[in-house]
Amino acid sequence: MGRPTIADIAREAGVSKGAVSFALNGRPGVSEATRERILRVAEAMQWRPHSAARALGGARAGAVGLVLARPARTLGVEPFFGQLLSGLQAVLSANQVALQLLVVESTEAEIEVHRRWASEHRVDGFVLVDLQVRDPRIAVLEELGVPSVVLGGPGRHGRLPSVWADDREAMLSIVDYLAALGHRRIAHLAGLPAFQHTQRRIRALRDSARRHGLEAVSVPTDFSDAEGAAATRALLARPERPTAIVYDSDVMAVAGLGVAAEMGVSVPGGLSVVSFDDSVLTRIVHPALTALSRDTFALGEQVARSLLALIDDPSAAEDLRTPTPRLTVRESTGRPLGTVG
């Protein structure tokens, strides 16, 4: 049996469809006894209002949407997104709001989902992640008029408000630290080149390397352990291999640590390793990884609070800068061989 309709309820309760509509919407026009009978029938039939009909009546969907255009295989092992989703869900659940999540394979597919969910009134707002260079999703969400908050910045997100941290400042702190240790050849295993935060980190490394007189190279990846391992292997096979590698994710950093052991390169004696995230993975490997630390759970909470505020009051739109991740030094970094401390 399909979704019960108002007509089904009217037939079962022996009343008109108009009476059912009055009763279900709490409007006058039926007696209390009739209203109670209709509500009992609706409950017995497990009737729920259609989302589009609710929207036409001004009701909220009670959900927000997050569509991720990344390979599902890499998301399954990425601690950052696990913590982010947990933070989002903590605030949303406390406010009786659901998180509607879908993983797709392309930006085009993501845009199609945004359009469909908006037209069907599935969600009251969207969270947008992985801000892209010349991001086509911004104009679409502005056109749809659904409250939306971007995780990322600063800037380049149209009229949409954002919650962001300074990736450039974070990368500069890593390079300053490695330069102070005496490293002169630094590699960066970056994320997807279409992402704005990837480009900011690449530019920050290039600018800081020029200032310190270092050799530096950035290698784009898909954030996966497989590409992280392959790129590390290629870098360590070079005649003039880097003495330090900065990874854009913990999963890649742990994979790189394994490759270094496989190739007989000691960490940190022969290679210093730094990760751009700081999940539990960085602390359970040996040696423990130097990493940029931030409270990703709290970041998710803040994004949820910003979106709920925007849904309640569209004039509440504002960009919010969160604390820059701080460098936590552990056993995976040290002076390169041959330097004098």
C-alpha atoms as a PDB file:
ATOM      1  CA  MET A   1       0.000   0.000   0.000  1.00  0.00           C
ATOM      2  CA  GLY A   2       1.294   3.459  -0.908  1.00  0.00           C
ATOM      3  CA  ARG A   3       1.350   6.613   1.170  1.00  0.00           C
ATOM      4  CA  PRO A   4      -2.151   7.183   2.657  1.00  0.00           C
ATOM      5  CA  THR A   5      -3.886  10.294   1.367  1.00  0.00           C
ATOM      6  CA  ILE A   6      -6.430  12.703   2.803  1.00  0.00           C
ATOM      7  CA  ALA A   7      -9.030  10.915   0.677  1.00  0.00           C
ATOM      8  CA  ASP A   8      -8.144   7.584   2.320  1.00  0.00           C
ATOM      9  CA  ILE A   9      -8.522   9.098   5.776  1.00  0.00           C
ATOM     10  CA  ALA A  10     -11.843  10.724   4.819  1.00  0.00           C
ATOM     11  CA  ARG A  11     -13.202   7.419   3.532  1.00  0.00           C
ATOM     12  CA  GLU A  12     -12.124   5.529   6.655  1.00  0.00           C
ATOM     13  CA  ALA A  13     -13.455   8.187   9.040  1.00  0.00           C
ATOM     14  CA  GLY A  14     -16.698   8.690   7.107  1.00  0.00           C
ATOM     15  CA  VAL A  15     -16.189  12.433   6.606  1.00  0.00           C
ATOM     16  CA  SER A  16     -15.402  14.808   3.759  1.00  0.00           C
ATOM     17  CA  LYS A  17     -11.862  15.592   2.582  1.00  0.00           C
ATOM     18  CA  GLY A  18     -12.416  19.173   3.706  1.00  0.00           C
ATOM     19  CA  ALA A  19     -13.133  18.016   7.247  1.00  0.00           C
ATOM     20  CA  VAL A  20      -9.942  15.960   7.226  1.00  0.00           C
ATOM     21  CA  SER A  21      -7.945  18.989   6.065  1.00  0.00           C
ATOM     22  CA  PHE A  22      -9.450  21.130   8.831  1.00  0.00           C
ATOM     23  CA  ALA A  23      -8.663  18.523  11.471  1.00  0.00           C
ATOM     24  CA  LEU A  24      -5.118  17.770  10.385  1.00  0.00           C
ATOM     25  CA  ASN A  25      -4.207  21.445  10.133  1.00  0.00           C
ATOM     26  CA  GLY A  26      -5.782  22.435  13.442  1.00  0.00           C
ATOM     27  CA  ARG A  27      -8.288  24.755  11.795  1.00  0.00           C
ATOM     28  CA  PRO A  28     -11.888  25.420  12.913  1.00  0.00           C
ATOM     29  CA  GLY A  29     -14.731  23.871  10.962  1.00  0.00           C
ATOM     30  CA  VAL A  30     -15.197  20.479  12.638  1.00  0.00           C
ATOM     31  CA  SER A  31     -16.338  19.455  16.097  1.00  0.00           C
ATOM     32  CA  GLU A  32     -13.806  18.271  18.643  1.00  0.00           C
ATOM     33  CA  ALA A  33     -15.273  14.766  18.565  1.00  0.00           C
ATOM     34  CA  THR A  34     -14.897  14.621  14.770  1.00  0.00           C
ATOM     35  CA  ARG A  35     -11.385  16.075  14.958  1.00  0.00           C
ATOM     36  CA  GLU A  36     -10.333  13.413  17.479  1.00  0.00           C
ATOM     37  CA  ARG A  37     -11.807  10.641  15.320  1.00  0.00           C
ATOM     38  CA  ILE A  38      -9.981  11.899  12.230  1.00  0.00           C
ATOM     39  CA  LEU A  39      -6.684  12.172  14.115  1.00  0.00           C
ATOM     40  CA  ARG A  40      -7.048   8.621  15.438  1.00  0.00           C
ATOM     41  CA  VAL A  41      -7.664   7.317  11.923  1.00  0.00           C
ATOM     42  CA  ALA A  42      -4.694   9.276  10.558  1.00  0.00           C
ATOM     43  CA  GLU A  43      -2.447   7.893  13.288  1.00  0.00           C
ATOM     44  CA  ALA A  44      -3.636   4.329  12.693  1.00  0.00           C
ATOM     45  CA  MET A  45      -2.926   4.708   8.967  1.00  0.00           C
ATOM     46  CA  GLN A  46       0.521   6.172   9.754  1.00  0.00           C
ATOM     47  CA  TRP A  47      -0.253   9.246   7.714  1.00  0.00           C
ATOM     48  CA  ARG A  48       2.510  11.852   7.356  1.00  0.00           C
ATOM     49  CA  PRO A  49       2.202  15.190   5.528  1.00  0.00           C
ATOM     50  CA  HIS A  50       3.848  15.364   2.102  1.00  0.00           C
ATOM     51  CA  SER A  51       6.922  17.588   2.219  1.00  0.00           C
ATOM     52  CA  ALA A  52       5.851  19.724  -0.752  1.00  0.00           C
ATOM     53  CA  ALA A  53       2.383  20.229   0.712  1.00  0.00           C
ATOM     54  CA  ARG A  54       3.896  21.214   4.036  1.00  0.00           C
ATOM     55  CA  ALA A  55       6.123  23.736   2.310  1.00  0.00           C
ATOM     56  CA  LEU A  56       3.165  25.292   0.508  1.00  0.00           C
ATOM     57  CA  GLY A  57       1.632  25.789   3.922  1.00  0.00           C
ATOM     58  CA  GLY A  58       4.782  27.442   5.241  1.00  0.00           C
ATOM     59  CA  ALA A  59       5.881  24.442   7.318  1.00  0.00           C
ATOM     60  CA  ARG A  60       9.537  23.516   7.608  1.00  0.00           C
ATOM     61  CA  ALA A  61      11.015  20.227   6.441  1.00  0.00           C
ATOM     62  CA  GLY A  62      12.918  19.771   9.702  1.00  0.00           C
ATOM     63  CA  ALA A  63      16.104  18.782   7.863  1.00  0.00           C
ATOM     64  CA  VAL A  64      19.226  20.294   6.328  1.00  0.00           C
ATOM     65  CA  GLY A  65      21.145  18.869   3.394  1.00  0.00           C
ATOM     66  CA  LEU A  66      24.791  18.012   2.843  1.00  0.00           C
ATOM     67  CA  VAL A  67      25.851  16.623  -0.534  1.00  0.00           C
ATOM     68  CA  LEU A  68      29.453  15.447  -0.881  1.00  0.00           C
ATOM     69  CA  ALA A  69      31.015  15.137  -4.331  1.00  0.00           C
ATOM     70  CA  ARG A  70      33.917  12.903  -3.387  1.00  0.00           C
ATOM     71  CA  PRO A  71      34.663   9.222  -3.954  1.00  0.00           C
ATOM     72  CA  ALA A  72      32.748   7.306  -1.290  1.00  0.00           C
ATOM     73  CA  ARG A  73      35.770   5.031  -0.801  1.00  0.00           C
ATOM     74  CA  THR A  74      37.991   7.911   0.364  1.00  0.00           C
ATOM     75  CA  LEU A  75      35.293   9.414   2.577  1.00  0.00           C
ATOM     76  CA  GLY A  76      34.913   6.110   4.381  1.00  0.00           C
ATOM     77  CA  VAL A  77      38.420   6.361   5.841  1.00  0.00           C
ATOM     78  CA  GLU A  78      38.671  10.141   6.259  1.00  0.00           C
ATOM     79  CA  PRO A  79      38.594  11.118   9.978  1.00  0.00           C
ATOM     80  CA  PHE A  80      37.988  14.805   9.212  1.00  0.00           C
ATOM     81  CA  PHE A  81      34.547  14.182   7.753  1.00  0.00           C
ATOM     82  CA  GLY A  82      33.604  11.789  10.544  1.00  0.00           C
ATOM     83  CA  GLN A  83      34.286  14.470  13.152  1.00  0.00           C
ATOM     84  CA  LEU A  84      32.651  17.193  11.062  1.00  0.00           C
ATOM     85  CA  LEU A  85      29.459  15.157  10.622  1.00  0.00           C
ATOM     86  CA  SER A  86      29.394  14.329  14.337  1.00  0.00           C
ATOM     87  CA  GLY A  87      29.585  18.018  15.230  1.00  0.00           C
ATOM     88  CA  LEU A  88      26.878  18.927  12.729  1.00  0.00           C
ATOM     89  CA  GLN A  89      24.588  16.182  13.977  1.00  0.00           C
ATOM     90  CA  ALA A  90      25.092  17.068  17.652  1.00  0.00           C
ATOM     91  CA  VAL A  91      23.680  20.578  17.206  1.00  0.00           C
ATOM     92  CA  LEU A  92      21.022  19.587  14.678  1.00  0.00           C
ATOM     93  CA  SER A  93      19.724  16.727  16.830  1.00  0.00           C
ATOM     94  CA  ALA A  94      19.518  19.003  19.865  1.00  0.00           C
ATOM     95  CA  ASN A  95      17.232  21.225  17.761  1.00  0.00           C
ATOM     96  CA  GLN A  96      15.144  18.336  16.395  1.00  0.00           C
ATOM     97  CA  VAL A  97      16.563  18.832  12.904  1.00  0.00           C
ATOM     98  CA  ALA A  98      17.721  15.934  10.729  1.00  0.00           C
ATOM     99  CA  LEU A  99      20.826  15.812   8.538  1.00  0.00           C
ATOM    100  CA  GLN A 100      20.111  14.541   5.024  1.00  0.00           C
ATOM    101  CA  LEU A 101      23.399  13.276   3.562  1.00  0.00           C
ATOM    102  CA  LEU A 102      24.185  12.050   0.067  1.00  0.00           C
ATOM    103  CA  VAL A 103      27.518  11.159  -1.538  1.00  0.00           C
ATOM    104  CA  VAL A 104      27.752  11.690  -5.297  1.00  0.00           C
ATOM    105  CA  GLU A 105      30.527  11.362  -7.855  1.00  0.00           C
ATOM    106  CA  SER A 106      30.617  14.805  -9.473  1.00  0.00           C
ATOM    107  CA  THR A 107      29.834  18.485  -9.013  1.00  0.00           C
ATOM    108  CA  GLU A 108      27.163  18.213 -11.719  1.00  0.00           C
ATOM    109  CA  ALA A 109      25.450  15.456  -9.754  1.00  0.00           C
ATOM    110  CA  GLU A 110      25.683  17.528  -6.578  1.00  0.00           C
ATOM    111  CA  ILE A 111      24.009  20.502  -8.265  1.00  0.00           C
ATOM    112  CA  GLU A 112      21.223  18.251  -9.535  1.00  0.00           C
ATOM    113  CA  VAL A 113      20.577  17.023  -5.984  1.00  0.00           C
ATOM    114  CA  HIS A 114      20.506  20.607  -4.685  1.00  0.00           C
ATOM    115  CA  ARG A 115      17.896  21.504  -7.293  1.00  0.00           C
ATOM    116  CA  ARG A 116      15.786  18.401  -6.613  1.00  0.00           C
ATOM    117  CA  TRP A 117      15.821  18.699  -2.832  1.00  0.00           C
ATOM    118  CA  ALA A 118      14.964  22.405  -3.055  1.00  0.00           C
ATOM    119  CA  SER A 119      12.066  21.824  -5.479  1.00  0.00           C
ATOM    120  CA  GLU A 120      10.713  18.983  -3.332  1.00  0.00           C
ATOM    121  CA  HIS A 121      11.179  21.039  -0.141  1.00  0.00           C
ATOM    122  CA  ARG A 122      13.172  18.183   1.372  1.00  0.00           C
ATOM    123  CA  VAL A 123      15.436  20.500   3.377  1.00  0.00           C
ATOM    124  CA  ASP A 124      15.356  23.924   4.994  1.00  0.00           C
ATOM    125  CA  GLY A 125      18.996  24.703   4.185  1.00  0.00           C
ATOM    126  CA  PHE A 126      22.271  23.396   2.790  1.00  0.00           C
ATOM    127  CA  VAL A 127      25.832  23.024   4.036  1.00  0.00           C
ATOM    128  CA  LEU A 128      28.345  23.477   1.220  1.00  0.00           C
ATOM    129  CA  VAL A 129      31.829  21.978   1.610  1.00  0.00           C
ATOM    130  CA  ASP A 130      34.951  21.710  -0.565  1.00  0.00           C
ATOM    131  CA  LEU A 131      34.671  25.225  -1.963  1.00  0.00           C
ATOM    132  CA  GLN A 132      36.027  25.218  -5.514  1.00  0.00           C
ATOM    133  CA  VAL A 133      37.872  27.722  -7.658  1.00  0.00           C
ATOM    134  CA  ARG A 134      35.127  29.471  -9.692  1.00  0.00           C
ATOM    135  CA  ASP A 135      32.600  27.269  -7.905  1.00  0.00           C
ATOM    136  CA  PRO A 136      29.452  26.738 -10.053  1.00  0.00           C
ATOM    137  CA  ARG A 137      27.415  25.694  -7.003  1.00  0.00           C
ATOM    138  CA  ILE A 138      27.400  29.207  -5.517  1.00  0.00           C
ATOM    139  CA  ALA A 139      25.227  30.741  -8.243  1.00  0.00           C
ATOM    140  CA  VAL A 140      22.858  27.760  -8.136  1.00  0.00           C
ATOM    141  CA  LEU A 141      22.277  28.012  -4.383  1.00  0.00           C
ATOM    142  CA  GLU A 142      21.794  31.776  -4.667  1.00  0.00           C
ATOM    143  CA  GLU A 143      19.259  31.190  -7.442  1.00  0.00           C
ATOM    144  CA  LEU A 144      17.401  28.559  -5.389  1.00  0.00           C
ATOM    145  CA  GLY A 145      17.134  30.956  -2.446  1.00  0.00           C
ATOM    146  CA  VAL A 146      17.523  28.199   0.139  1.00  0.00           C
ATOM    147  CA  PRO A 147      19.508  29.239   3.248  1.00  0.00           C
ATOM    148  CA  SER A 148      23.057  27.923   2.769  1.00  0.00           C
ATOM    149  CA  VAL A 149      26.324  28.127   4.697  1.00  0.00           C
ATOM    150  CA  VAL A 150      29.729  27.501   3.123  1.00  0.00           C
ATOM    151  CA  LEU A 151      32.457  25.704   5.036  1.00  0.00           C
ATOM    152  CA  GLY A 152      35.499  27.481   3.656  1.00  0.00           C
ATOM    153  CA  GLY A 153      36.751  30.882   2.670  1.00  0.00           C
ATOM    154  CA  PRO A 154      37.622  33.657   2.928  1.00  0.00           C
ATOM    155  CA  GLY A 155      35.564  35.147   0.138  1.00  0.00           C
ATOM    156  CA  ARG A 156      34.621  33.840  -3.298  1.00  0.00           C
ATOM    157  CA  HIS A 157      31.288  32.470  -2.154  1.00  0.00           C
ATOM    158  CA  GLY A 158      28.936  35.143  -3.490  1.00  0.00           C
ATOM    159  CA  ARG A 159      26.321  36.259  -0.986  1.00  0.00           C
ATOM    160  CA  LEU A 160      26.457  32.998   0.964  1.00  0.00           C
ATOM    161  CA  PRO A 161      27.799  33.263   4.522  1.00  0.00           C
ATOM    162  CA  SER A 162      30.756  31.103   5.498  1.00  0.00           C
ATOM    163  CA  VAL A 163      32.539  29.483   8.419  1.00  0.00           C
ATOM    164  CA  TRP A 164      36.258  29.304   7.727  1.00  0.00           C
ATOM    165  CA  ALA A 165      39.793  28.959   9.064  1.00  0.00           C
ATOM    166  CA  ASP A 166      42.939  30.435   7.534  1.00  0.00           C
ATOM    167  CA  ASP A 167      44.627  27.648   5.528  1.00  0.00           C
ATOM    168  CA  ARG A 168      47.339  30.018   4.365  1.00  0.00           C
ATOM    169  CA  GLU A 169      48.365  31.034   7.851  1.00  0.00           C
ATOM    170  CA  ALA A 170      48.356  27.381   8.905  1.00  0.00           C
ATOM    171  CA  MET A 171      50.652  26.332   6.044  1.00  0.00           C
ATOM    172  CA  LEU A 172      53.008  29.240   6.740  1.00  0.00           C
ATOM    173  CA  SER A 173      53.389  28.053  10.340  1.00  0.00           C
ATOM    174  CA  ILE A 174      54.447  24.598   9.102  1.00  0.00           C
ATOM    175  CA  VAL A 175      57.025  25.922   6.666  1.00  0.00           C
ATOM    176  CA  ASP A 176      58.445  28.373   9.221  1.00  0.00           C
ATOM    177  CA  TYR A 177      58.889  25.492  11.674  1.00  0.00           C
ATOM    178  CA  LEU A 178      60.527  23.168   9.147  1.00  0.00           C
ATOM    179  CA  ALA A 179      62.829  25.939   7.921  1.00  0.00           C
ATOM    180  CA  ALA A 180      63.872  26.649  11.507  1.00  0.00           C
ATOM    181  CA  LEU A 181      64.807  22.961  11.878  1.00  0.00           C
ATOM    182  CA  GLY A 182      67.111  23.295   8.874  1.00  0.00           C
ATOM    183  CA  HIS A 183      65.022  21.689   6.116  1.00  0.00           C
ATOM    184  CA  ARG A 184      65.765  22.994   2.634  1.00  0.00           C
ATOM    185  CA  ARG A 185      63.775  20.548   0.450  1.00  0.00           C
ATOM    186  CA  ILE A 186      60.077  20.312   1.318  1.00  0.00           C
ATOM    187  CA  ALA A 187      57.342  18.447  -0.533  1.00  0.00           C
ATOM    188  CA  HIS A 188      53.608  18.914  -0.126  1.00  0.00           C
ATOM    189  CA  LEU A 189      51.129  16.158  -0.952  1.00  0.00           C
ATOM    190  CA  ALA A 190      48.119  18.346  -1.659  1.00  0.00           C
ATOM    191  CA  GLY A 191      44.456  17.546  -2.176  1.00  0.00           C
ATOM    192  CA  LEU A 192      42.358  18.015  -5.272  1.00  0.00           C
ATOM    193  CA  PRO A 193      43.601  21.052  -7.255  1.00  0.00           C
ATOM    194  CA  ALA A 194      40.056  22.312  -7.929  1.00  0.00           C
ATOM    195  CA  PHE A 195      39.552  23.071  -4.227  1.00  0.00           C
ATOM    196  CA  GLN A 196      40.182  26.606  -3.016  1.00  0.00           C
ATOM    197  CA  HIS A 197      41.857  25.444   0.194  1.00  0.00           C
ATOM    198  CA  THR A 198      44.254  23.287  -1.842  1.00  0.00           C
ATOM    199  CA  GLN A 199      45.254  26.295  -3.941  1.00  0.00           C
ATOM    200  CA  ARG A 200      45.741  28.500  -0.855  1.00  0.00           C
ATOM    201  CA  ARG A 201      48.024  25.917   0.747  1.00  0.00           C
ATOM    202  CA  ILE A 202      50.034  25.512  -2.468  1.00  0.00           C
ATOM    203  CA  ARG A 203      50.481  29.271  -2.813  1.00  0.00           C
ATOM    204  CA  ALA A 204      51.425  29.621   0.857  1.00  0.00           C
ATOM    205  CA  LEU A 205      54.118  26.948   0.500  1.00  0.00           C
ATOM    206  CA  ARG A 206      55.491  28.583  -2.640  1.00  0.00           C
ATOM    207  CA  ASP A 207      55.573  32.052  -1.071  1.00  0.00           C
ATOM    208  CA  SER A 208      57.133  30.847   2.175  1.00  0.00           C
ATOM    209  CA  ALA A 209      59.713  28.728   0.348  1.00  0.00           C
ATOM    210  CA  ARG A 210      60.751  31.752  -1.684  1.00  0.00           C
ATOM    211  CA  ARG A 211      61.091  33.829   1.484  1.00  0.00           C
ATOM    212  CA  HIS A 212      63.209  31.172   3.230  1.00  0.00           C
ATOM    213  CA  GLY A 213      65.214  30.197   0.145  1.00  0.00           C
ATOM    214  CA  LEU A 214      63.868  26.615   0.076  1.00  0.00           C
ATOM    215  CA  GLU A 215      63.156  24.081  -2.658  1.00  0.00           C
ATOM    216  CA  ALA A 216      59.481  23.172  -2.538  1.00  0.00           C
ATOM    217  CA  VAL A 217      57.076  21.147  -4.655  1.00  0.00           C
ATOM    218  CA  SER A 218      53.323  20.435  -4.336  1.00  0.00           C
ATOM    219  CA  VAL A 219      51.864  17.212  -5.744  1.00  0.00           C
ATOM    220  CA  PRO A 220      48.038  17.036  -6.149  1.00  0.00           C
ATOM    221  CA  THR A 221      46.209  13.878  -5.025  1.00  0.00           C
ATOM    222  CA  ASP A 222      42.661  12.665  -4.367  1.00  0.00           C
ATOM    223  CA  PHE A 223      43.344  12.475  -0.586  1.00  0.00           C
ATOM    224  CA  SER A 224      43.390   8.667  -0.695  1.00  0.00           C
ATOM    225  CA  ASP A 225      45.926   6.438   1.040  1.00  0.00           C
ATOM    226  CA  ALA A 226      46.741   4.828  -2.335  1.00  0.00           C
ATOM    227  CA  GLU A 227      47.692   8.106  -4.022  1.00  0.00           C
ATOM    228  CA  GLY A 228      49.420   9.309  -0.859  1.00  0.00           C
ATOM    229  CA  ALA A 229      51.572   6.180  -0.805  1.00  0.00           C
ATOM    230  CA  ALA A 230      52.340   6.289  -4.534  1.00  0.00           C
ATOM    231  CA  ALA A 231      53.331   9.954  -4.456  1.00  0.00           C
ATOM    232  CA  THR A 232      55.512   9.430  -1.374  1.00  0.00           C
ATOM    233  CA  ARG A 233      57.272   6.519  -3.057  1.00  0.00           C
ATOM    234  CA  ALA A 234      58.002   8.643  -6.119  1.00  0.00           C
ATOM    235  CA  LEU A 235      59.339  11.520  -4.024  1.00  0.00           C
ATOM    236  CA  LEU A 236      61.610   9.314  -1.918  1.00  0.00           C
ATOM    237  CA  ALA A 237      62.985   7.653  -5.057  1.00  0.00           C
ATOM    238  CA  ARG A 238      64.378  10.963  -6.344  1.00  0.00           C
ATOM    239  CA  PRO A 239      68.163  11.486  -6.239  1.00  0.00           C
ATOM    240  CA  GLU A 240      67.570  14.710  -4.298  1.00  0.00           C
ATOM    241  CA  ARG A 241      64.653  13.570  -2.215  1.00  0.00           C
ATOM    242  CA  PRO A 242      62.809  15.930   0.143  1.00  0.00           C
ATOM    243  CA  THR A 243      63.813  15.963   3.790  1.00  0.00           C
ATOM    244  CA  ALA A 244      60.267  16.844   4.870  1.00  0.00           C
ATOM    245  CA  ILE A 245      56.803  16.073   3.484  1.00  0.00           C
ATOM    246  CA  VAL A 246      53.594  17.888   4.429  1.00  0.00           C
ATOM    247  CA  TYR A 247      50.392  15.886   3.862  1.00  0.00           C
ATOM    248  CA  ASP A 248      46.937  17.399   3.383  1.00  0.00           C
ATOM    249  CA  SER A 249      45.239  14.552   5.278  1.00  0.00           C
ATOM    250  CA  ASP A 250      46.033  12.149   8.096  1.00  0.00           C
ATOM    251  CA  VAL A 251      45.208   9.139   5.938  1.00  0.00           C
ATOM    252  CA  MET A 252      47.871  10.128   3.402  1.00  0.00           C
ATOM    253  CA  ALA A 253      50.367  10.945   6.155  1.00  0.00           C
ATOM    254  CA  VAL A 254      49.983   7.510   7.733  1.00  0.00           C
ATOM    255  CA  ALA A 255      50.326   5.898   4.293  1.00  0.00           C
ATOM    256  CA  GLY A 256      53.471   7.950   3.683  1.00  0.00           C
ATOM    257  CA  LEU A 257      54.891   6.859   7.022  1.00  0.00           C
ATOM    258  CA  GLY A 258      54.454   3.244   5.946  1.00  0.00           C
ATOM    259  CA  VAL A 259      56.198   3.877   2.617  1.00  0.00           C
ATOM    260  CA  ALA A 260      59.155   5.498   4.382  1.00  0.00           C
ATOM    261  CA  ALA A 261      59.537   2.380   6.550  1.00  0.00           C
ATOM    262  CA  GLU A 262      59.229   0.159   3.467  1.00  0.00           C
ATOM    263  CA  MET A 263      62.034   2.099   1.726  1.00  0.00           C
ATOM    264  CA  GLY A 264      64.296   2.168   4.757  1.00  0.00           C
ATOM    265  CA  VAL A 265      63.954   5.934   5.308  1.00  0.00           C
ATOM    266  CA  SER A 266      63.921   6.676   9.024  1.00  0.00           C
ATOM    267  CA  VAL A 267      61.423   9.146  10.479  1.00  0.00           C
ATOM    268  CA  PRO A 268      62.376  11.723  11.601  1.00  0.00           C
ATOM    269  CA  GLY A 269      66.107  11.134  10.952  1.00  0.00           C
ATOM    270  CA  GLY A 270      65.840  10.738   7.190  1.00  0.00           C
ATOM    271  CA  LEU A 271      62.446  12.356   6.672  1.00  0.00           C
ATOM    272  CA  SER A 272      60.200  14.652   8.697  1.00  0.00           C
ATOM    273  CA  VAL A 273      56.450  14.118   8.316  1.00  0.00           C
ATOM    274  CA  VAL A 274      53.703  16.676   9.039  1.00  0.00           C
ATOM    275  CA  SER A 275      49.941  16.232   8.617  1.00  0.00           C
ATOM    276  CA  PHE A 276      47.426  19.003   7.981  1.00  0.00           C
ATOM    277  CA  ASP A 277      44.821  17.339  10.208  1.00  0.00           C
ATOM    278  CA  ASP A 278      45.153  15.915  13.693  1.00  0.00           C
ATOM    279  CA  SER A 279      42.831  12.954  14.187  1.00  0.00           C
ATOM    280  CA  VAL A 280      43.409   9.953  16.412  1.00  0.00           C
ATOM    281  CA  LEU A 281      45.422   8.423  13.535  1.00  0.00           C
ATOM    282  CA  THR A 282      48.295  10.846  14.171  1.00  0.00           C
ATOM    283  CA  ARG A 283      48.616   9.682  17.788  1.00  0.00           C
ATOM    284  CA  ILE A 284      48.356   5.906  17.434  1.00  0.00           C
ATOM    285  CA  VAL A 285      51.135   5.437  14.862  1.00  0.00           C
ATOM    286  CA  HIS A 286      54.846   5.294  15.617  1.00  0.00           C
ATOM    287  CA  PRO A 287      56.351   7.765  15.573  1.00  0.00           C
ATOM    288  CA  ALA A 288      53.386   9.963  16.493  1.00  0.00           C
ATOM    289  CA  LEU A 289      52.829  12.601  13.816  1.00  0.00           C
ATOM    290  CA  THR A 290      53.413  16.329  14.080  1.00  0.00           C
ATOM    291  CA  ALA A 291      50.147  17.877  12.904  1.00  0.00           C
ATOM    292  CA  LEU A 292      47.988  20.969  12.684  1.00  0.00           C
ATOM    293  CA  SER A 293      45.444  20.597  15.472  1.00  0.00           C
ATOM    294  CA  ARG A 294      41.909  21.928  15.491  1.00  0.00           C
ATOM    295  CA  ASP A 295      38.628  20.832  16.999  1.00  0.00           C
ATOM    296  CA  THR A 296      36.829  19.524  13.928  1.00  0.00           C
ATOM    297  CA  PHE A 297      33.829  18.446  16.018  1.00  0.00           C
ATOM    298  CA  ALA A 298      33.460  22.044  17.254  1.00  0.00           C
ATOM    299  CA  LEU A 299      33.813  23.263  13.656  1.00  0.00           C
ATOM    300  CA  GLY A 300      30.842  21.102  12.671  1.00  0.00           C
ATOM    301  CA  GLU A 301      28.868  22.453  15.624  1.00  0.00           C
ATOM    302  CA  GLN A 302      29.560  26.033  14.540  1.00  0.00           C
ATOM    303  CA  VAL A 303      28.485  25.364  10.950  1.00  0.00           C
ATOM    304  CA  ALA A 304      25.218  23.878  12.223  1.00  0.00           C
ATOM    305  CA  ARG A 305      24.568  26.822  14.540  1.00  0.00           C
ATOM    306  CA  SER A 306      25.244  29.294  11.726  1.00  0.00           C
ATOM    307  CA  LEU A 307      22.863  27.499   9.360  1.00  0.00           C
ATOM    308  CA  LEU A 308      20.066  27.212  11.934  1.00  0.00           C
ATOM    309  CA  ALA A 309      20.414  30.923  12.715  1.00  0.00           C
ATOM    310  CA  LEU A 310      20.212  31.709   8.998  1.00  0.00           C
ATOM    311  CA  ILE A 311      17.091  29.551   8.579  1.00  0.00           C
ATOM    312  CA  ASP A 312      15.426  31.387  11.481  1.00  0.00           C
ATOM    313  CA  ASP A 313      16.514  34.823  10.259  1.00  0.00           C
ATOM    314  CA  PRO A 314      17.930  35.369   6.741  1.00  0.00           C
ATOM    315  CA  SER A 315      19.378  38.699   7.893  1.00  0.00           C
ATOM    316  CA  ALA A 316      21.701  36.752  10.237  1.00  0.00           C
ATOM    317  CA  ALA A 317      24.060  35.933   7.353  1.00  0.00           C
ATOM    318  CA  GLU A 318      27.678  36.624   8.274  1.00  0.00           C
ATOM    319  CA  ASP A 319      31.136  35.208   7.676  1.00  0.00           C
ATOM    320  CA  LEU A 320      32.664  33.648  10.775  1.00  0.00           C
ATOM    321  CA  ARG A 321      36.390  33.044  11.087  1.00  0.00           C
ATOM    322  CA  THR A 322      37.326  30.177  13.397  1.00  0.00           C
ATOM    323  CA  PRO A 323      40.730  29.777  15.110  1.00  0.00           C
ATOM    324  CA  THR A 324      43.661  28.922  12.840  1.00  0.00           C
ATOM    325  CA  PRO A 325      44.828  25.324  13.392  1.00  0.00           C
ATOM    326  CA  ARG A 326      47.893  25.288  15.639  1.00  0.00           C
ATOM    327  CA  LEU A 327      51.000  23.188  15.099  1.00  0.00           C
ATOM    328  CA  THR A 328      51.355  20.321  17.577  1.00  0.00           C
ATOM    329  CA  VAL A 329      54.923  18.979  17.476  1.00  0.00           C
ATOM    330  CA  ARG A 330      55.401  15.251  18.040  1.00  0.00           C
ATOM    331  CA  GLU A 331      58.053  12.647  17.209  1.00  0.00           C
ATOM    332  CA  SER A 332      57.774  12.659  13.393  1.00  0.00           C
ATOM    333  CA  THR A 333      59.753  15.893  12.871  1.00  0.00           C
ATOM    334  CA  GLY A 334      63.338  16.812  13.625  1.00  0.00           C
ATOM    335  CA  ARG A 335      66.491  18.265  12.128  1.00  0.00           C
ATOM    336  CA  PRO A 336      67.540  16.736   8.818  1.00  0.00           C
ATOM    337  CA  LEU A 337      70.669  14.589   8.757  1.00  0.00           C
ATOM    338  CA  GLY A 338      73.860  16.608   8.430  1.00  0.00           C
ATOM    339  CA  THR A 339      72.554  19.790  10.101  1.00  0.00           C
ATOM    340  CA  VAL A 340      74.086  21.148  13.253  1.00  0.00           C
ATOM    341  CA  GLY A 341      71.697  21.928  16.117  1.00  0.00           C
END
